[in-house]
Amino acid sequence: MDAAADDEDIVSGINVTPLVDVCLVLVIIFMVTAPLMSDPVIKVTLPKAHTKEGEERDKLTVTLGKDGRLAIDYKEYQTLDSIREDLKEKLVFSQSKLVILRADQDASHGKLTELMSAAKEAGALSLTIATEQKR
């Protein structure tokens, strides 16, 4: 009679092993896909230079492609005139008013200087040109 009573006991514990397994799989998926989400809109080949890594601050990244395409962070623009208003608006909310220019090494020098001028007119206090480390 005791053996029959043991078989009919109600299982009152919760098995959390499947929950932990699913959570770990989700963490791994997020770790793998997170770097893919931070790719810029326009792919550029940065010029090589002997530089020092900058400190991480509140910044605005403006990208100039070799074909003249423009972007602010992850939003692409067709012309320099269309970028001016958004640049001014985003700089108003920026603490450091730092603009990082990511220009392709084959981009037009004239376009880069126009972009620098537009950033200064929009209220940028400092401009930095992004480069890759020379090895």
N, C-alpha and C. Protein backbone atom coordinates (compact mmCIF):
# COMPACT_ATOMS: atom_id res chain seq x y z
N MET A 1 0.81 -1.18 0.00
CA MET A 1 0.00 0.00 0.00
C MET A 1 0.87 1.26 0.00
N ASP A 2 2.00 1.20 0.61
CA ASP A 2 2.88 2.37 0.65
C ASP A 2 3.45 2.68 -0.73
N ALA A 3 3.73 1.65 -1.55
CA ALA A 3 4.27 1.87 -2.89
C ALA A 3 3.27 2.58 -3.77
N ALA A 4 1.98 2.26 -3.63
CA ALA A 4 0.94 2.89 -4.43
C ALA A 4 0.77 4.35 -4.02
N ALA A 5 0.94 4.65 -2.76
CA ALA A 5 0.79 6.02 -2.28
C ALA A 5 1.94 6.89 -2.80
N ASP A 6 3.17 6.35 -2.93
CA ASP A 6 4.31 7.10 -3.44
C ASP A 6 4.14 7.45 -4.91
N ASP A 7 3.52 6.54 -5.70
CA ASP A 7 3.33 6.78 -7.12
C ASP A 7 2.30 7.89 -7.38
N GLU A 8 1.38 8.08 -6.45
CA GLU A 8 0.32 9.05 -6.67
C GLU A 8 0.63 10.42 -6.08
N ASP A 9 1.85 10.64 -5.60
CA ASP A 9 2.21 11.95 -5.05
C ASP A 9 2.19 13.00 -6.16
N ILE A 10 1.73 14.17 -5.82
CA ILE A 10 1.66 15.27 -6.78
C ILE A 10 3.04 15.95 -6.84
N VAL A 11 3.51 16.21 -8.07
CA VAL A 11 4.78 16.91 -8.26
C VAL A 11 4.51 18.39 -8.10
N SER A 12 5.05 18.98 -7.06
CA SER A 12 4.76 20.38 -6.78
C SER A 12 5.92 21.30 -7.16
N GLY A 13 7.09 20.76 -7.53
CA GLY A 13 8.23 21.58 -7.93
C GLY A 13 8.14 21.98 -9.39
N ILE A 14 8.80 23.09 -9.73
CA ILE A 14 8.83 23.56 -11.11
C ILE A 14 10.21 23.26 -11.68
N ASN A 15 10.22 22.67 -12.87
CA ASN A 15 11.48 22.35 -13.54
C ASN A 15 11.91 23.59 -14.33
N VAL A 16 12.98 24.28 -13.87
CA VAL A 16 13.43 25.51 -14.51
C VAL A 16 14.53 25.28 -15.54
N THR A 17 14.95 24.06 -15.71
CA THR A 17 16.03 23.77 -16.67
C THR A 17 15.68 24.20 -18.09
N PRO A 18 14.50 23.89 -18.61
CA PRO A 18 14.18 24.36 -19.97
C PRO A 18 14.15 25.89 -20.08
N LEU A 19 13.69 26.57 -19.04
CA LEU A 19 13.67 28.03 -19.04
C LEU A 19 15.08 28.59 -19.11
N VAL A 20 15.98 28.05 -18.34
CA VAL A 20 17.37 28.49 -18.34
C VAL A 20 18.00 28.22 -19.70
N ASP A 21 17.72 27.08 -20.29
CA ASP A 21 18.26 26.75 -21.61
C ASP A 21 17.80 27.76 -22.67
N VAL A 22 16.53 28.09 -22.66
CA VAL A 22 16.00 29.04 -23.64
C VAL A 22 16.62 30.42 -23.42
N CYS A 23 16.75 30.85 -22.17
CA CYS A 23 17.36 32.15 -21.88
C CYS A 23 18.81 32.21 -22.35
N LEU A 24 19.56 31.17 -22.14
CA LEU A 24 20.96 31.16 -22.58
C LEU A 24 21.07 31.20 -24.10
N VAL A 25 20.18 30.50 -24.79
CA VAL A 25 20.18 30.54 -26.26
C VAL A 25 19.86 31.96 -26.74
N LEU A 26 18.90 32.63 -26.10
CA LEU A 26 18.57 34.01 -26.47
C LEU A 26 19.74 34.95 -26.24
N VAL A 27 20.44 34.79 -25.14
CA VAL A 27 21.61 35.63 -24.86
C VAL A 27 22.67 35.43 -25.94
N ILE A 28 22.91 34.19 -26.33
CA ILE A 28 23.91 33.91 -27.37
C ILE A 28 23.48 34.54 -28.69
N ILE A 29 22.21 34.46 -29.03
CA ILE A 29 21.71 35.06 -30.28
C ILE A 29 21.91 36.57 -30.25
N PHE A 30 21.60 37.22 -29.15
CA PHE A 30 21.78 38.66 -29.05
C PHE A 30 23.26 39.05 -29.12
N MET A 31 24.13 38.25 -28.51
CA MET A 31 25.56 38.55 -28.55
C MET A 31 26.12 38.46 -29.97
N VAL A 32 25.61 37.52 -30.74
CA VAL A 32 26.09 37.34 -32.11
C VAL A 32 25.54 38.42 -33.04
N THR A 33 24.27 38.81 -32.86
CA THR A 33 23.65 39.75 -33.79
C THR A 33 23.89 41.22 -33.43
N ALA A 34 24.28 41.55 -32.22
CA ALA A 34 24.48 42.94 -31.81
C ALA A 34 25.54 43.65 -32.65
N PRO A 35 26.70 43.07 -32.93
CA PRO A 35 27.68 43.78 -33.78
C PRO A 35 27.17 44.01 -35.20
N LEU A 36 26.30 43.17 -35.69
CA LEU A 36 25.78 43.34 -37.04
C LEU A 36 24.84 44.54 -37.13
N MET A 37 24.19 44.87 -36.03
CA MET A 37 23.25 45.99 -36.01
C MET A 37 23.96 47.34 -35.97
N SER A 38 25.22 47.39 -35.63
CA SER A 38 25.92 48.66 -35.49
C SER A 38 26.69 49.05 -36.74
N ASP A 39 26.49 48.35 -37.86
CA ASP A 39 27.15 48.72 -39.10
C ASP A 39 26.57 50.03 -39.62
N PRO A 40 27.41 50.91 -40.16
CA PRO A 40 26.91 52.18 -40.67
C PRO A 40 26.11 52.00 -41.96
N VAL A 41 25.35 53.01 -42.31
CA VAL A 41 24.50 52.96 -43.49
C VAL A 41 25.35 52.92 -44.76
N ILE A 42 26.39 53.75 -44.79
CA ILE A 42 27.25 53.83 -45.97
C ILE A 42 28.60 53.23 -45.61
N LYS A 43 29.04 52.27 -46.38
CA LYS A 43 30.35 51.66 -46.15
C LYS A 43 31.43 52.55 -46.73
N VAL A 44 32.40 52.93 -45.93
CA VAL A 44 33.50 53.77 -46.41
C VAL A 44 34.82 53.13 -46.04
N THR A 45 35.83 53.42 -46.85
CA THR A 45 37.20 52.99 -46.56
C THR A 45 37.91 54.20 -45.97
N LEU A 46 38.19 54.15 -44.69
CA LEU A 46 38.81 55.29 -44.02
C LEU A 46 40.28 55.38 -44.39
N PRO A 47 40.81 56.60 -44.47
CA PRO A 47 42.24 56.74 -44.74
C PRO A 47 43.06 56.25 -43.55
N LYS A 48 44.29 55.85 -43.81
CA LYS A 48 45.18 55.34 -42.76
C LYS A 48 45.96 56.51 -42.17
N ALA A 49 46.15 56.50 -40.85
CA ALA A 49 46.91 57.55 -40.17
C ALA A 49 47.40 57.03 -38.83
N HIS A 50 48.45 57.66 -38.32
CA HIS A 50 48.93 57.36 -36.97
C HIS A 50 48.11 58.22 -36.02
N THR A 51 47.15 57.60 -35.35
CA THR A 51 46.26 58.36 -34.48
C THR A 51 46.14 57.68 -33.13
N LYS A 52 45.58 58.41 -32.21
CA LYS A 52 45.30 57.90 -30.88
C LYS A 52 43.80 57.70 -30.77
N GLU A 53 43.38 56.64 -30.09
CA GLU A 53 41.94 56.38 -29.91
C GLU A 53 41.33 57.53 -29.11
N GLY A 54 40.18 58.00 -29.58
CA GLY A 54 39.48 59.07 -28.88
C GLY A 54 38.66 58.52 -27.73
N GLU A 55 38.36 59.39 -26.80
CA GLU A 55 37.52 58.97 -25.68
C GLU A 55 36.08 58.90 -26.12
N GLU A 56 35.32 58.06 -25.48
CA GLU A 56 33.92 57.85 -25.86
C GLU A 56 33.09 58.96 -25.25
N ARG A 57 32.46 59.77 -26.10
CA ARG A 57 31.61 60.87 -25.65
C ARG A 57 30.33 60.88 -26.48
N ASP A 58 29.46 61.79 -26.10
CA ASP A 58 28.26 62.04 -26.87
C ASP A 58 28.70 62.63 -28.20
N LYS A 59 28.38 61.94 -29.31
CA LYS A 59 28.88 62.40 -30.60
C LYS A 59 27.86 62.18 -31.68
N LEU A 60 28.07 62.86 -32.79
CA LEU A 60 27.23 62.75 -33.97
C LEU A 60 28.15 62.33 -35.11
N THR A 61 27.81 61.24 -35.79
CA THR A 61 28.66 60.73 -36.86
C THR A 61 28.05 61.07 -38.21
N VAL A 62 28.83 61.79 -39.03
CA VAL A 62 28.39 62.15 -40.38
C VAL A 62 29.29 61.38 -41.35
N THR A 63 28.68 60.67 -42.29
CA THR A 63 29.42 59.81 -43.23
C THR A 63 29.31 60.37 -44.64
N LEU A 64 30.44 60.39 -45.35
CA LEU A 64 30.51 60.80 -46.74
C LEU A 64 31.10 59.66 -47.55
N GLY A 65 30.31 59.10 -48.46
CA GLY A 65 30.78 58.00 -49.30
C GLY A 65 31.56 58.52 -50.49
N LYS A 66 32.29 57.63 -51.16
CA LYS A 66 33.09 58.07 -52.31
C LYS A 66 32.23 58.50 -53.48
N ASP A 67 30.97 58.04 -53.50
CA ASP A 67 30.06 58.44 -54.57
C ASP A 67 29.25 59.69 -54.19
N GLY A 68 29.58 60.31 -53.05
CA GLY A 68 28.91 61.54 -52.63
C GLY A 68 27.70 61.32 -51.75
N ARG A 69 27.38 60.07 -51.41
CA ARG A 69 26.24 59.80 -50.53
C ARG A 69 26.55 60.30 -49.13
N LEU A 70 25.54 60.79 -48.43
CA LEU A 70 25.69 61.37 -47.09
C LEU A 70 24.78 60.67 -46.10
N ALA A 71 25.22 60.61 -44.84
CA ALA A 71 24.39 60.03 -43.78
C ALA A 71 24.75 60.67 -42.45
N ILE A 72 23.74 60.81 -41.60
CA ILE A 72 23.96 61.17 -40.20
C ILE A 72 23.56 59.96 -39.39
N ASP A 73 24.50 59.42 -38.65
CA ASP A 73 24.32 58.19 -37.90
C ASP A 73 23.74 57.11 -38.83
N TYR A 74 22.45 56.78 -38.74
CA TYR A 74 21.89 55.71 -39.55
C TYR A 74 20.85 56.19 -40.56
N LYS A 75 20.78 57.49 -40.80
CA LYS A 75 19.81 58.04 -41.75
C LYS A 75 20.56 58.62 -42.95
N GLU A 76 20.18 58.18 -44.15
CA GLU A 76 20.86 58.61 -45.37
C GLU A 76 20.15 59.83 -45.97
N TYR A 77 20.96 60.72 -46.57
CA TYR A 77 20.45 61.94 -47.21
C TYR A 77 20.95 61.99 -48.64
N GLN A 78 20.20 62.70 -49.50
CA GLN A 78 20.55 62.77 -50.92
C GLN A 78 21.48 63.94 -51.22
N THR A 79 21.25 65.09 -50.58
CA THR A 79 22.05 66.28 -50.87
C THR A 79 22.55 66.92 -49.59
N LEU A 80 23.52 67.80 -49.74
CA LEU A 80 24.07 68.51 -48.58
C LEU A 80 23.03 69.45 -47.98
N ASP A 81 22.18 70.04 -48.82
CA ASP A 81 21.13 70.93 -48.32
C ASP A 81 20.13 70.19 -47.44
N SER A 82 19.83 68.95 -47.79
CA SER A 82 18.86 68.18 -47.01
C SER A 82 19.42 67.74 -45.66
N ILE A 83 20.73 67.74 -45.54
CA ILE A 83 21.35 67.28 -44.29
C ILE A 83 21.48 68.41 -43.27
N ARG A 84 21.52 69.65 -43.76
CA ARG A 84 21.79 70.81 -42.88
C ARG A 84 20.78 70.95 -41.73
N GLU A 85 19.49 70.85 -42.03
CA GLU A 85 18.46 71.07 -41.00
C GLU A 85 18.51 69.99 -39.92
N ASP A 86 18.64 68.73 -40.32
CA ASP A 86 18.71 67.65 -39.33
C ASP A 86 19.99 67.74 -38.51
N LEU A 87 21.07 68.17 -39.14
CA LEU A 87 22.35 68.33 -38.43
C LEU A 87 22.21 69.38 -37.33
N LYS A 88 21.57 70.49 -37.67
CA LYS A 88 21.36 71.56 -36.69
C LYS A 88 20.48 71.08 -35.55
N GLU A 89 19.41 70.34 -35.89
CA GLU A 89 18.47 69.84 -34.87
C GLU A 89 19.14 68.85 -33.93
N LYS A 90 19.95 67.94 -34.47
CA LYS A 90 20.61 66.94 -33.63
C LYS A 90 21.70 67.56 -32.76
N LEU A 91 22.36 68.60 -33.26
CA LEU A 91 23.40 69.26 -32.46
C LEU A 91 22.82 70.04 -31.29
N VAL A 92 21.58 70.49 -31.41
CA VAL A 92 20.93 71.20 -30.31
C VAL A 92 20.81 70.28 -29.09
N PHE A 93 20.52 68.99 -29.33
CA PHE A 93 20.33 68.04 -28.24
C PHE A 93 21.63 67.38 -27.80
N SER A 94 22.74 67.67 -28.44
CA SER A 94 24.02 67.06 -28.10
C SER A 94 24.71 67.84 -27.00
N GLN A 95 25.25 67.14 -26.03
CA GLN A 95 25.97 67.79 -24.93
C GLN A 95 27.33 68.32 -25.38
N SER A 96 28.10 67.47 -26.07
CA SER A 96 29.47 67.82 -26.43
C SER A 96 29.57 68.60 -27.74
N LYS A 97 28.53 68.55 -28.57
CA LYS A 97 28.54 69.19 -29.89
C LYS A 97 29.73 68.74 -30.73
N LEU A 98 30.09 67.45 -30.58
CA LEU A 98 31.20 66.84 -31.32
C LEU A 98 30.64 66.15 -32.56
N VAL A 99 31.24 66.43 -33.71
CA VAL A 99 30.86 65.79 -34.97
C VAL A 99 32.05 65.01 -35.49
N ILE A 100 31.84 63.72 -35.73
CA ILE A 100 32.88 62.87 -36.30
C ILE A 100 32.56 62.69 -37.78
N LEU A 101 33.50 63.04 -38.64
CA LEU A 101 33.34 62.93 -40.08
C LEU A 101 33.99 61.64 -40.54
N ARG A 102 33.20 60.74 -41.10
CA ARG A 102 33.72 59.49 -41.67
C ARG A 102 33.66 59.64 -43.17
N ALA A 103 34.76 60.02 -43.78
CA ALA A 103 34.79 60.23 -45.23
C ALA A 103 35.63 59.15 -45.88
N ASP A 104 35.15 58.59 -46.98
CA ASP A 104 35.91 57.60 -47.73
C ASP A 104 37.19 58.25 -48.24
N GLN A 105 38.25 57.47 -48.30
CA GLN A 105 39.53 58.03 -48.73
C GLN A 105 39.49 58.50 -50.18
N ASP A 106 38.55 58.00 -50.96
CA ASP A 106 38.42 58.42 -52.35
C ASP A 106 37.33 59.48 -52.55
N ALA A 107 36.76 60.00 -51.46
CA ALA A 107 35.71 61.01 -51.56
C ALA A 107 36.33 62.34 -51.99
N SER A 108 35.51 63.18 -52.59
CA SER A 108 35.96 64.48 -53.06
C SER A 108 36.35 65.37 -51.89
N HIS A 109 37.51 66.00 -52.01
CA HIS A 109 37.99 66.92 -50.97
C HIS A 109 37.04 68.10 -50.82
N GLY A 110 36.50 68.56 -51.93
CA GLY A 110 35.57 69.69 -51.89
C GLY A 110 34.31 69.36 -51.12
N LYS A 111 33.79 68.14 -51.31
CA LYS A 111 32.58 67.71 -50.58
C LYS A 111 32.85 67.65 -49.08
N LEU A 112 34.05 67.18 -48.72
CA LEU A 112 34.40 67.08 -47.30
C LEU A 112 34.47 68.47 -46.67
N THR A 113 35.08 69.43 -47.36
CA THR A 113 35.17 70.78 -46.80
C THR A 113 33.79 71.43 -46.71
N GLU A 114 32.90 71.15 -47.68
CA GLU A 114 31.53 71.65 -47.60
C GLU A 114 30.80 71.05 -46.41
N LEU A 115 31.03 69.77 -46.16
CA LEU A 115 30.41 69.08 -45.03
C LEU A 115 30.93 69.64 -43.71
N MET A 116 32.22 69.92 -43.65
CA MET A 116 32.80 70.52 -42.44
C MET A 116 32.20 71.91 -42.19
N SER A 117 32.05 72.69 -43.23
CA SER A 117 31.47 74.02 -43.12
C SER A 117 30.01 73.93 -42.65
N ALA A 118 29.27 72.99 -43.21
CA ALA A 118 27.86 72.81 -42.82
C ALA A 118 27.75 72.42 -41.35
N ALA A 119 28.66 71.56 -40.88
CA ALA A 119 28.65 71.15 -39.47
C ALA A 119 28.95 72.33 -38.55
N LYS A 120 29.92 73.14 -38.93
CA LYS A 120 30.25 74.33 -38.12
C LYS A 120 29.08 75.31 -38.08
N GLU A 121 28.44 75.53 -39.24
CA GLU A 121 27.28 76.43 -39.30
C GLU A 121 26.12 75.90 -38.47
N ALA A 122 26.00 74.58 -38.37
CA ALA A 122 24.90 73.97 -37.62
C ALA A 122 25.13 74.04 -36.12
N GLY A 123 26.35 74.38 -35.69
CA GLY A 123 26.61 74.53 -34.26
C GLY A 123 27.62 73.57 -33.68
N ALA A 124 28.35 72.85 -34.50
CA ALA A 124 29.37 71.93 -33.99
C ALA A 124 30.51 72.73 -33.35
N LEU A 125 30.91 72.34 -32.15
CA LEU A 125 32.02 73.00 -31.49
C LEU A 125 33.36 72.37 -31.85
N SER A 126 33.34 71.07 -32.17
CA SER A 126 34.58 70.42 -32.59
C SER A 126 34.28 69.37 -33.64
N LEU A 127 35.23 69.25 -34.58
CA LEU A 127 35.12 68.28 -35.67
C LEU A 127 36.30 67.34 -35.57
N THR A 128 36.03 66.07 -35.85
CA THR A 128 37.07 65.05 -35.88
C THR A 128 36.90 64.23 -37.16
N ILE A 129 38.00 63.99 -37.86
CA ILE A 129 37.95 63.16 -39.05
C ILE A 129 38.38 61.75 -38.65
N ALA A 130 37.53 60.78 -38.89
CA ALA A 130 37.80 59.40 -38.52
C ALA A 130 38.82 58.80 -39.48
N THR A 131 39.77 58.06 -38.91
CA THR A 131 40.79 57.35 -39.71
C THR A 131 40.96 55.96 -39.14
N GLU A 132 41.64 55.11 -39.87
CA GLU A 132 42.03 53.79 -39.37
C GLU A 132 43.48 53.83 -38.95
N GLN A 133 43.83 53.00 -37.97
CA GLN A 133 45.22 52.94 -37.49
C GLN A 133 46.13 52.39 -38.57
N LYS A 134 47.26 53.03 -38.79
CA LYS A 134 48.29 52.51 -39.71
C LYS A 134 49.05 51.44 -38.99
N ARG A 135 49.37 50.36 -39.68
CA ARG A 135 50.09 49.27 -39.02
C ARG A 135 51.44 49.10 -39.63
